[in-house]
Protein backbone atom coordinates (compact mmCIF):
# COMPACT_ATOMS: atom_id res chain seq x y z
CA MET A 1 -62.09 10.51 -36.98
CA GLU A 2 -58.77 11.30 -38.65
CA HIS A 3 -55.45 9.77 -37.78
CA ALA A 4 -53.32 11.67 -35.19
CA GLU A 5 -50.16 10.43 -33.47
CA VAL A 6 -51.03 12.35 -30.35
CA VAL A 7 -54.61 12.80 -29.23
CA VAL A 8 -55.72 14.97 -26.20
CA VAL A 9 -58.74 13.41 -24.50
CA ILE A 10 -60.85 15.71 -22.25
CA PRO A 11 -63.68 14.29 -20.10
CA ALA A 12 -66.32 16.87 -19.57
CA TYR A 13 -69.45 16.96 -17.40
CA ASN A 14 -71.34 20.26 -17.58
CA GLU A 15 -68.30 22.37 -18.46
CA GLU A 16 -69.90 24.94 -20.64
CA LYS A 17 -68.07 27.75 -18.86
CA THR A 18 -64.59 26.53 -19.71
CA ILE A 19 -64.58 23.86 -22.44
CA GLY A 20 -64.63 26.39 -25.34
CA ARG A 21 -61.60 28.20 -24.08
CA VAL A 22 -59.72 24.94 -23.25
CA VAL A 23 -60.28 23.52 -26.79
CA THR A 24 -59.56 26.88 -28.56
CA GLU A 25 -56.26 27.40 -26.70
CA LEU A 26 -55.19 23.82 -27.63
CA ARG A 27 -56.00 24.33 -31.28
CA GLU A 28 -54.16 27.70 -31.32
CA GLN A 29 -51.15 26.21 -29.65
CA PHE A 30 -50.89 23.01 -31.76
CA GLN A 31 -52.87 23.81 -34.90
CA ASP A 32 -53.45 20.42 -36.69
CA LYS A 33 -50.59 18.61 -35.09
CA ILE A 34 -52.77 16.81 -32.55
CA GLY A 35 -56.26 15.40 -32.31
CA ILE A 36 -58.64 16.53 -29.64
CA ILE A 37 -61.55 14.46 -28.31
CA VAL A 38 -63.98 15.87 -25.74
CA VAL A 39 -66.09 13.16 -24.05
CA SER A 40 -69.35 14.76 -22.82
CA ASP A 41 -70.36 12.59 -19.87
CA ALA A 42 -74.13 12.93 -20.32
CA SER A 43 -73.76 16.83 -19.83
CA THR A 44 -77.11 18.65 -19.52
CA ASP A 45 -75.80 22.07 -20.38
CA ASN A 46 -74.23 23.47 -23.58
CA THR A 47 -70.92 21.54 -23.31
CA VAL A 48 -71.59 19.54 -26.46
CA SER A 49 -72.51 22.46 -28.65
CA ILE A 50 -69.73 24.61 -27.49
CA ALA A 51 -67.08 21.83 -27.85
CA THR A 52 -68.40 21.00 -31.30
CA SER A 53 -68.28 24.60 -32.41
CA SER A 54 -64.66 24.84 -31.15
CA GLY A 55 -63.64 22.40 -33.84
CA CYS A 56 -62.83 19.19 -31.90
CA THR A 57 -64.17 15.66 -32.03
CA VAL A 58 -67.09 15.19 -29.53
CA ILE A 59 -68.23 11.91 -28.13
CA GLU A 60 -71.66 12.40 -26.45
CA LEU A 61 -72.54 9.74 -23.86
CA PRO A 62 -76.24 9.37 -23.17
CA GLU A 63 -75.62 8.11 -19.59
CA ASN A 64 -73.09 9.25 -16.97
CA HIS A 65 -69.97 6.94 -17.02
CA GLY A 66 -67.95 8.92 -14.44
CA TYR A 67 -64.47 10.39 -14.84
CA ALA A 68 -62.56 7.23 -15.63
CA GLY A 69 -65.44 5.70 -17.72
CA ALA A 70 -65.47 8.84 -19.93
CA LEU A 71 -61.74 8.77 -20.22
CA SER A 72 -61.61 5.18 -21.11
CA ILE A 73 -64.12 5.68 -23.92
CA GLY A 74 -62.17 8.53 -25.29
CA MET A 75 -58.87 6.73 -25.08
CA THR A 76 -60.28 3.69 -26.86
CA ALA A 77 -61.52 5.96 -29.67
CA ALA A 78 -58.13 7.62 -29.92
CA PHE A 79 -56.07 4.42 -29.92
CA ASN A 80 -58.42 2.17 -32.01
CA ARG A 81 -60.17 4.69 -34.34
CA MET A 82 -57.50 7.36 -34.72
CA SER A 83 -54.43 5.08 -34.53
CA ALA A 84 -52.87 7.31 -31.86
CA LYS A 85 -49.46 6.52 -30.48
CA TYR A 86 -50.02 8.56 -27.37
CA VAL A 87 -53.08 9.93 -25.52
CA VAL A 88 -52.70 12.95 -23.27
CA THR A 89 -55.48 13.42 -20.69
CA MET A 90 -56.38 16.77 -19.23
CA ASP A 91 -59.32 18.33 -17.22
CA ALA A 92 -62.00 20.36 -18.88
CA ASP A 93 -62.22 22.96 -16.02
CA GLY A 94 -59.40 25.05 -17.19
CA GLN A 95 -56.93 24.17 -14.42
CA HIS A 96 -54.26 22.80 -16.76
CA PRO A 97 -52.63 25.68 -18.68
CA VAL A 98 -51.80 25.00 -22.34
CA THR A 99 -48.13 25.67 -21.56
CA SER A 100 -48.00 22.60 -19.28
CA VAL A 101 -49.86 20.46 -21.88
CA HIS A 102 -47.29 21.69 -24.42
CA GLU A 103 -44.47 20.59 -22.20
CA VAL A 104 -45.88 17.06 -21.88
CA ILE A 105 -46.41 16.64 -25.59
CA SER A 106 -42.90 18.08 -26.22
CA MET A 107 -41.48 15.35 -24.01
CA LEU A 108 -43.17 12.76 -26.15
CA SER A 109 -41.23 13.82 -29.27
CA SER A 110 -37.98 14.62 -27.66
CA LYS A 111 -37.19 11.63 -25.41
CA GLY A 112 -36.26 9.22 -28.27
CA GLU A 113 -35.44 5.83 -26.91
CA PRO A 114 -36.49 4.21 -24.81
CA GLN A 115 -40.13 4.87 -25.66
CA ILE A 116 -42.15 6.78 -23.07
CA ASP A 117 -45.08 4.71 -21.72
CA LEU A 118 -46.33 7.23 -19.13
CA ILE A 119 -45.91 10.87 -18.20
CA VAL A 120 -47.35 12.03 -14.90
CA GLY A 121 -47.80 15.66 -14.09
CA ILE A 122 -46.75 16.99 -10.62
CA ARG A 123 -48.93 19.79 -9.37
CA PRO A 124 -47.49 22.54 -7.33
CA TYR A 125 -49.83 21.82 -4.40
CA PHE A 126 -52.50 19.38 -3.22
CA ALA A 127 -56.03 20.63 -2.38
CA ARG A 128 -56.82 17.90 0.13
CA PHE A 129 -54.94 15.98 2.85
CA SER A 130 -56.15 12.69 1.28
CA GLU A 131 -54.24 13.57 -1.85
CA ARG A 132 -51.03 13.98 0.29
CA ILE A 133 -51.54 10.58 1.76
CA TYR A 134 -52.04 9.11 -1.70
CA SER A 135 -48.87 10.84 -2.86
CA MET A 136 -46.91 9.45 0.10
CA TYR A 137 -47.89 5.87 -0.74
CA PHE A 138 -47.07 6.17 -4.49
CA SER A 139 -43.89 8.08 -3.77
CA LEU A 140 -42.69 5.37 -1.39
CA PHE A 141 -43.60 2.31 -3.48
CA TYR A 142 -43.50 3.54 -7.01
CA ASN A 143 -41.56 6.75 -6.99
CA VAL A 144 -44.53 8.63 -8.46
CA LYS A 145 -45.15 11.89 -6.68
CA ASP A 146 -48.63 12.89 -7.94
CA PRO A 147 -50.55 9.91 -9.23
CA LEU A 148 -53.87 11.82 -8.94
CA CYS A 149 -52.88 14.55 -11.47
CA GLY A 150 -55.24 14.64 -14.30
CA LEU A 151 -52.54 15.74 -16.77
CA LYS A 152 -50.88 12.59 -18.00
CA ALA A 153 -49.72 10.94 -21.23
CA TYR A 154 -50.17 7.26 -22.00
CA SER A 155 -48.65 5.19 -24.72
CA ALA A 156 -50.75 2.78 -26.70
CA ARG A 157 -48.58 -0.06 -25.39
CA LEU A 158 -49.45 0.79 -21.78
CA TYR A 159 -53.13 1.13 -22.51
CA HIS A 160 -53.43 -2.15 -24.17
CA LYS A 161 -51.76 -3.82 -21.22
CA LEU A 162 -55.07 -3.25 -19.38
CA GLY A 163 -57.44 -2.58 -22.23
CA THR A 164 -59.32 0.02 -20.24
CA MET A 165 -58.65 3.00 -18.01
CA GLU A 166 -59.19 1.06 -14.78
CA THR A 167 -60.85 -2.13 -13.34
CA TYR A 168 -61.57 -0.49 -9.97
CA ASP A 169 -62.20 3.12 -8.79
CA SER A 170 -58.48 4.16 -8.97
CA ILE A 171 -59.34 7.76 -9.86
CA GLY A 172 -56.99 7.28 -12.89
CA THR A 173 -54.04 5.83 -10.99
CA GLN A 174 -54.22 2.04 -11.84
CA MET A 175 -52.21 2.71 -15.03
CA VAL A 176 -49.36 3.96 -12.88
CA ILE A 177 -49.25 0.66 -11.02
CA VAL A 178 -49.53 -1.34 -14.29
CA ALA A 179 -46.64 0.66 -15.86
CA LYS A 180 -44.42 0.30 -12.82
CA LYS A 181 -45.16 -3.52 -12.32
CA ASN A 182 -44.31 -4.21 -15.95
CA ARG A 183 -41.13 -2.07 -15.73
CA MET A 184 -42.30 0.37 -18.39
CA ASN A 185 -40.83 3.75 -18.95
CA VAL A 186 -42.46 6.34 -16.59
CA PHE A 187 -41.46 10.04 -16.50
CA GLN A 188 -42.64 12.92 -14.40
CA VAL A 189 -42.85 16.68 -15.04
CA ASN A 190 -43.76 19.66 -12.85
CA ILE A 191 -46.82 21.48 -14.12
CA LEU A 192 -48.63 24.64 -13.35
CA LEU A 193 -52.29 25.06 -12.23
CA ASN A 194 -54.85 27.80 -12.99
CA GLU A 195 -57.40 28.69 -10.44
CA ARG A 196 -60.51 26.41 -10.63
CA GLU A 197 -63.55 28.22 -11.99
CA ASP A 198 -66.21 25.59 -10.96
CA GLU A 199 -67.01 23.22 -8.19
CA PRO A 200 -64.66 20.17 -7.72
CA ARG A 201 -65.88 17.17 -9.57
CA PHE A 202 -65.48 15.02 -6.42
CA GLY A 203 -67.99 17.10 -4.40
CA GLY A 204 -67.49 18.59 -0.89
CA ARG A 205 -64.46 18.17 1.26
CA LEU A 206 -65.63 15.16 3.38
CA LYS A 207 -67.09 13.36 0.40
CA ALA A 208 -63.94 13.87 -1.71
CA ASN A 209 -61.50 12.86 0.99
CA TRP A 210 -63.56 9.68 1.69
CA ARG A 211 -63.56 8.76 -2.01
CA ILE A 212 -59.90 9.36 -2.42
CA LEU A 213 -58.96 7.38 0.80
CA THR A 214 -61.28 4.48 -0.35
CA SER A 215 -59.61 4.47 -3.75
CA LEU A 216 -56.18 4.48 -2.11
CA ALA A 217 -57.22 1.38 -0.10
CA ARG A 218 -58.24 -0.28 -3.33
CA ALA A 219 -55.00 0.69 -4.97
CA ILE A 220 -53.03 -0.85 -2.13
CA ASN A 221 -55.10 -4.04 -2.50
CA TYR A 222 -54.45 -4.19 -6.23
CA SER A 223 -50.65 -3.43 -5.69
CA ILE A 224 -50.44 -6.55 -3.47
CA PHE A 225 -52.88 -8.92 -4.93
CA GLY A 226 -53.71 -7.66 -8.45
């Protein structure tokens, strides 16, 4: 792995329909200015071969680690092996347009001091009522409108505060709490969304809402006692 100041980490589970286009658009937009890591979370389709042929770094996991587990492995590789200053996370399903990714990365280079520790995307809508409830809690207590957005940017300083993506099933929100509790520099940006081309990674509506609400209960517990 070569050095890159900004590395985009993309967790992917059976995303052969979209991963090639996602990586190609990133490479066309940024050329060699960023690193790209695709973490294949035990995919059983052609995700690995397509991502590899698209010219990015691919980490192939033999066992499924879940969304946050795959992200954490990719982030560790970016920060420790590529000496990244920032990691930008995005989904492999094509919902995050490259224009929004570009806006996040532009913020990293334009803000100057104080150093950015976290950028959280704000989606134009929520697909589930449980996401609205999650948003209400984080808006009230942390002034973060969309903690569940998959498009985020993390500093190495923030990541090493925890040393992993999460210590409970936070669906990628624990870092928001860590950043806020440690008075680190958190920014938010409105992003666009493309139409999803595949099934949601959380499954059906009832299952997804239950998981999100359970995660919120754990986040509240961590907020109070963590």
